[in-house]
Amino acid sequence: MICFKRVFCVVAVLAVVGVAACNKRASTDTSIGKTMPVPSAKDPSGWPVYQVSGEDFSIALPPDWRQIDMNPQKFEAGMQEAIRQNPQMQAMAGNLRQQMTKGVKFFGLDQTTIGTAFATNVNIIRVPLPPGGTLDSIVSESLRQYESLSNVTKPVNHERLGDRERLRVRMSMNMPDGQTQTLANTQYILVHGKDAFVVTLTTLPDQETKYTATFDKIGQSFRFLK
């Protein structure tokens, strides 16, 4: 019997990385562009392409989005500078530190949403496949687990898109401020070699339509470097 518990738990729990920032938009500039520069490499549409060479993948983000370096050797220095430039980032720091230990290899966010009730974001995890694990088996077990959770809206929409599976999941979660919030997640699950990769894009339900095309473009831009 293949054990999917670790893979699924990471997939489900990390859907909400770094979400809560402030209850209302601040009147000050929320830009973090100086701290987190945009790479020079661009995709055909002009979006910056972020390469995580140590993890062998790349992903494109819109120009208004920024990456937070999740390399443990660089994270603290980068986060402290981000907090110095934008104190609202403090609300995300502890959560991100925790998620680094659980397999998060990439975190990016729409910097225009910093200071709102929720920072729209993307995270990528990489976890070892169980023996005999395939994309079909990972997707099947993930769907089964989602269907068993009382905080997930059923049914979970999913579709195979070439080498990846797309899932759209609405899930209510307990937020750091103690409130319960429903989140709209779009996930892309891929398998490469002996690992599963999960790209999770998260926003609020009332913003889901606004971000649908953007999330799909980000998810489809994910590439393996070798």
Protein backbone atom coordinates (compact mmCIF):
# COMPACT_ATOMS: atom_id res chain seq x y z
CA MET A 1 0.00 0.00 0.00
CA ILE A 2 1.36 3.42 -0.99
CA CYS A 3 1.50 5.99 1.79
CA PHE A 4 0.38 9.44 0.63
CA LYS A 5 -0.10 11.02 4.05
CA ARG A 6 2.97 13.28 3.99
CA VAL A 7 2.40 14.39 0.41
CA PHE A 8 -1.25 15.22 0.99
CA CYS A 9 -0.78 16.95 4.33
CA VAL A 10 1.75 19.30 2.78
CA VAL A 11 -0.53 19.92 -0.20
CA ALA A 12 -3.52 20.79 1.97
CA VAL A 13 -1.92 22.73 4.80
CA LEU A 14 0.42 24.85 2.73
CA ALA A 15 -2.40 26.21 0.61
CA VAL A 16 -2.57 29.14 3.02
CA VAL A 17 1.06 30.15 3.40
CA GLY A 18 1.61 33.77 4.33
CA VAL A 19 -1.93 34.91 3.86
CA ALA A 20 -2.87 37.21 6.73
CA ALA A 21 -1.29 40.61 6.84
CA CYS A 22 -3.60 43.39 7.97
CA ASN A 23 -7.32 43.92 8.35
CA LYS A 24 -7.30 46.96 6.13
CA ARG A 25 -5.10 48.58 3.53
CA ALA A 26 -2.49 50.86 4.95
CA SER A 27 -2.19 54.41 3.72
CA THR A 28 1.55 54.00 3.13
CA ASP A 29 3.28 52.48 0.11
CA THR A 30 3.19 48.67 0.26
CA SER A 31 5.86 48.11 -2.40
CA ILE A 32 8.61 45.60 -1.67
CA GLY A 33 10.19 45.86 -5.10
CA LYS A 34 13.52 47.26 -3.90
CA THR A 35 14.05 44.37 -1.51
CA MET A 36 12.91 41.72 -3.98
CA PRO A 37 14.10 42.74 -7.43
CA VAL A 38 12.59 41.44 -10.67
CA PRO A 39 14.82 39.07 -12.69
CA SER A 40 15.95 40.14 -16.13
CA ALA A 41 14.79 36.90 -17.81
CA LYS A 42 11.31 37.26 -19.34
CA ASP A 43 8.79 34.89 -20.87
CA PRO A 44 7.30 35.62 -24.33
CA SER A 45 4.61 37.85 -22.81
CA GLY A 46 7.13 39.87 -20.82
CA TRP A 47 6.55 38.33 -17.40
CA PRO A 48 9.70 37.92 -15.26
CA VAL A 49 10.89 34.31 -15.01
CA TYR A 50 12.17 33.22 -11.59
CA GLN A 51 14.62 30.30 -11.60
CA VAL A 52 15.20 28.24 -8.48
CA SER A 53 18.28 26.43 -9.73
CA GLY A 54 18.84 24.48 -6.51
CA GLU A 55 15.39 22.92 -6.95
CA ASP A 56 15.58 22.64 -10.75
CA PHE A 57 12.46 24.62 -11.67
CA SER A 58 11.36 28.02 -12.93
CA ILE A 59 8.09 29.93 -12.85
CA ALA A 60 6.88 33.22 -14.32
CA LEU A 61 5.09 35.85 -12.26
CA PRO A 62 3.33 39.08 -13.28
CA PRO A 63 5.46 42.24 -13.03
CA ASP A 64 3.62 43.42 -9.89
CA TRP A 65 4.41 40.18 -8.04
CA ARG A 66 7.59 39.51 -6.07
CA GLN A 67 9.42 36.43 -4.78
CA ILE A 68 10.56 35.91 -1.21
CA ASP A 69 13.72 33.79 -1.23
CA MET A 70 12.96 30.58 0.67
CA ASN A 71 16.58 29.41 0.72
CA PRO A 72 17.23 28.90 4.46
CA GLN A 73 20.68 30.46 4.12
CA LYS A 74 19.25 33.68 2.69
CA PHE A 75 15.78 33.88 4.17
CA GLU A 76 16.46 35.73 7.43
CA ALA A 77 18.54 38.51 5.91
CA GLY A 78 16.04 39.01 3.11
CA MET A 79 13.02 38.94 5.42
CA GLN A 80 14.51 41.41 7.89
CA GLU A 81 15.23 43.85 5.06
CA ALA A 82 11.69 43.37 3.73
CA ILE A 83 10.27 44.10 7.19
CA ARG A 84 12.47 47.18 7.52
CA GLN A 85 11.17 48.46 4.20
CA ASN A 86 7.59 47.37 4.84
CA PRO A 87 6.67 46.58 8.50
CA GLN A 88 3.48 44.82 7.33
CA MET A 89 5.65 41.91 6.21
CA GLN A 90 6.19 41.07 9.89
CA ALA A 91 2.77 39.39 9.95
CA MET A 92 3.98 36.82 7.39
CA ALA A 93 7.48 36.15 8.73
CA GLY A 94 6.67 33.53 11.35
CA ASN A 95 4.36 31.59 9.05
CA LEU A 96 6.93 31.54 6.28
CA ARG A 97 9.67 30.33 8.62
CA GLN A 98 7.42 27.46 9.64
CA GLN A 99 6.55 26.54 6.06
CA MET A 100 10.22 26.48 5.03
CA THR A 101 10.66 23.46 7.30
CA LYS A 102 7.71 21.71 5.62
CA GLY A 103 8.98 21.74 2.06
CA VAL A 104 8.15 25.18 0.65
CA LYS A 105 10.75 25.97 -2.02
CA PHE A 106 9.22 29.13 -3.49
CA PHE A 107 6.93 31.87 -2.27
CA GLY A 108 5.67 34.83 -4.27
CA LEU A 109 2.92 37.37 -3.73
CA ASP A 110 1.03 40.12 -5.44
CA GLN A 111 2.64 43.07 -3.72
CA THR A 112 -0.39 45.26 -4.50
CA THR A 113 -2.35 43.15 -1.98
CA ILE A 114 0.04 43.66 0.95
CA GLY A 115 -1.84 45.61 3.61
CA THR A 116 -5.23 44.20 2.63
CA ALA A 117 -7.13 41.50 4.51
CA PHE A 118 -5.29 38.86 2.46
CA ALA A 119 -2.10 38.81 0.44
CA THR A 120 -2.75 36.87 -2.77
CA ASN A 121 0.16 34.46 -3.12
CA VAL A 122 1.79 31.44 -4.72
CA ASN A 123 3.86 28.76 -3.04
CA ILE A 124 5.64 25.70 -4.41
CA ILE A 125 6.48 22.58 -2.48
CA ARG A 126 8.62 19.60 -3.40
CA VAL A 127 8.14 16.32 -1.57
CA PRO A 128 9.48 12.81 -2.23
CA LEU A 129 7.10 10.43 -3.93
CA PRO A 130 6.16 7.29 -2.01
CA PRO A 131 7.35 4.05 -3.63
CA GLY A 132 5.30 3.43 -6.74
CA GLY A 133 3.77 6.91 -6.66
CA THR A 134 2.59 8.47 -9.93
CA LEU A 135 0.75 11.63 -10.90
CA ASP A 136 -2.50 9.66 -11.19
CA SER A 137 -2.11 8.11 -7.75
CA ILE A 138 -1.15 11.40 -6.07
CA VAL A 139 -4.12 13.19 -7.64
CA SER A 140 -6.51 10.38 -6.76
CA GLU A 141 -5.46 10.35 -3.11
CA SER A 142 -5.48 14.15 -2.86
CA LEU A 143 -9.04 14.25 -4.17
CA ARG A 144 -10.09 11.52 -1.79
CA GLN A 145 -8.62 13.38 1.16
CA TYR A 146 -10.14 16.70 0.12
CA GLU A 147 -13.54 15.05 -0.17
CA SER A 148 -13.18 13.75 3.40
CA LEU A 149 -12.51 17.19 4.91
CA SER A 150 -15.45 19.07 6.39
CA ASN A 151 -13.86 22.47 5.73
CA VAL A 152 -13.59 21.88 1.96
CA THR A 153 -16.39 22.85 -0.44
CA LYS A 154 -17.47 19.87 -2.54
CA PRO A 155 -17.06 18.77 -5.21
CA VAL A 156 -13.42 19.66 -5.92
CA ASN A 157 -13.02 20.66 -9.56
CA HIS A 158 -10.02 19.08 -11.30
CA GLU A 159 -8.69 18.70 -14.83
CA ARG A 160 -5.63 17.11 -16.48
CA LEU A 161 -3.65 19.66 -18.48
CA GLY A 162 -0.81 17.88 -20.23
CA ASP A 163 1.81 16.90 -17.65
CA ARG A 164 -0.02 18.46 -14.70
CA GLU A 165 -3.33 18.25 -12.87
CA ARG A 166 -5.21 21.43 -11.93
CA LEU A 167 -7.42 21.45 -8.85
CA ARG A 168 -9.67 24.28 -7.70
CA VAL A 169 -10.34 24.05 -3.98
CA ARG A 170 -12.31 26.29 -1.62
CA MET A 171 -11.32 25.69 1.98
CA SER A 172 -12.15 27.42 5.26
CA MET A 173 -9.12 27.91 7.50
CA ASN A 174 -8.34 29.32 10.93
CA MET A 175 -6.26 32.41 10.35
CA PRO A 176 -3.45 33.79 12.57
CA ASP A 177 -5.81 36.50 13.88
CA GLY A 178 -8.21 33.83 15.18
CA GLN A 179 -10.84 34.39 12.48
CA THR A 180 -12.12 31.73 10.10
CA GLN A 181 -11.67 32.60 6.44
CA THR A 182 -12.67 30.78 3.26
CA LEU A 183 -9.88 30.72 0.69
CA ALA A 184 -9.93 29.97 -3.03
CA ASN A 185 -6.98 27.80 -4.07
CA THR A 186 -5.83 26.79 -7.52
CA GLN A 187 -3.31 23.95 -7.39
CA TYR A 188 -1.12 22.37 -10.04
CA ILE A 189 0.33 18.96 -9.20
CA LEU A 190 3.26 17.60 -11.21
CA VAL A 191 5.61 14.65 -10.89
CA HIS A 192 9.27 14.80 -11.87
CA GLY A 193 11.64 11.93 -11.21
CA LYS A 194 11.18 10.82 -7.62
CA ASP A 195 9.40 13.98 -6.44
CA ALA A 196 5.97 15.57 -6.50
CA PHE A 197 5.73 19.33 -7.02
CA VAL A 198 2.66 21.31 -6.02
CA VAL A 199 2.08 24.90 -7.14
CA THR A 200 -0.63 26.49 -4.98
CA LEU A 201 -2.13 29.90 -5.77
CA THR A 202 -4.41 31.41 -3.14
CA THR A 203 -6.75 34.38 -2.93
CA LEU A 204 -10.12 35.26 -1.40
CA PRO A 205 -13.29 33.89 -3.03
CA ASP A 206 -14.51 37.35 -4.07
CA GLN A 207 -11.20 37.83 -5.94
CA GLU A 208 -11.16 34.41 -7.61
CA THR A 209 -12.66 35.53 -10.92
CA LYS A 210 -10.25 38.44 -11.10
CA TYR A 211 -7.26 36.13 -10.67
CA THR A 212 -8.43 33.10 -12.70
CA ALA A 213 -6.50 33.92 -15.88
CA THR A 214 -3.44 35.07 -13.92
CA PHE A 215 -3.36 31.93 -11.78
CA ASP A 216 -3.71 29.70 -14.83
CA LYS A 217 -0.89 31.47 -16.62
CA ILE A 218 1.37 31.20 -13.57
CA GLY A 219 0.55 27.52 -13.11
CA GLN A 220 1.17 26.72 -16.76
CA SER A 221 4.47 28.64 -16.71
CA PHE A 222 6.01 26.22 -14.20
CA ARG A 223 8.92 24.40 -15.89
CA PHE A 224 11.60 21.93 -14.88
CA LEU A 225 15.12 23.10 -15.68
CA LYS A 226 16.35 19.62 -16.50
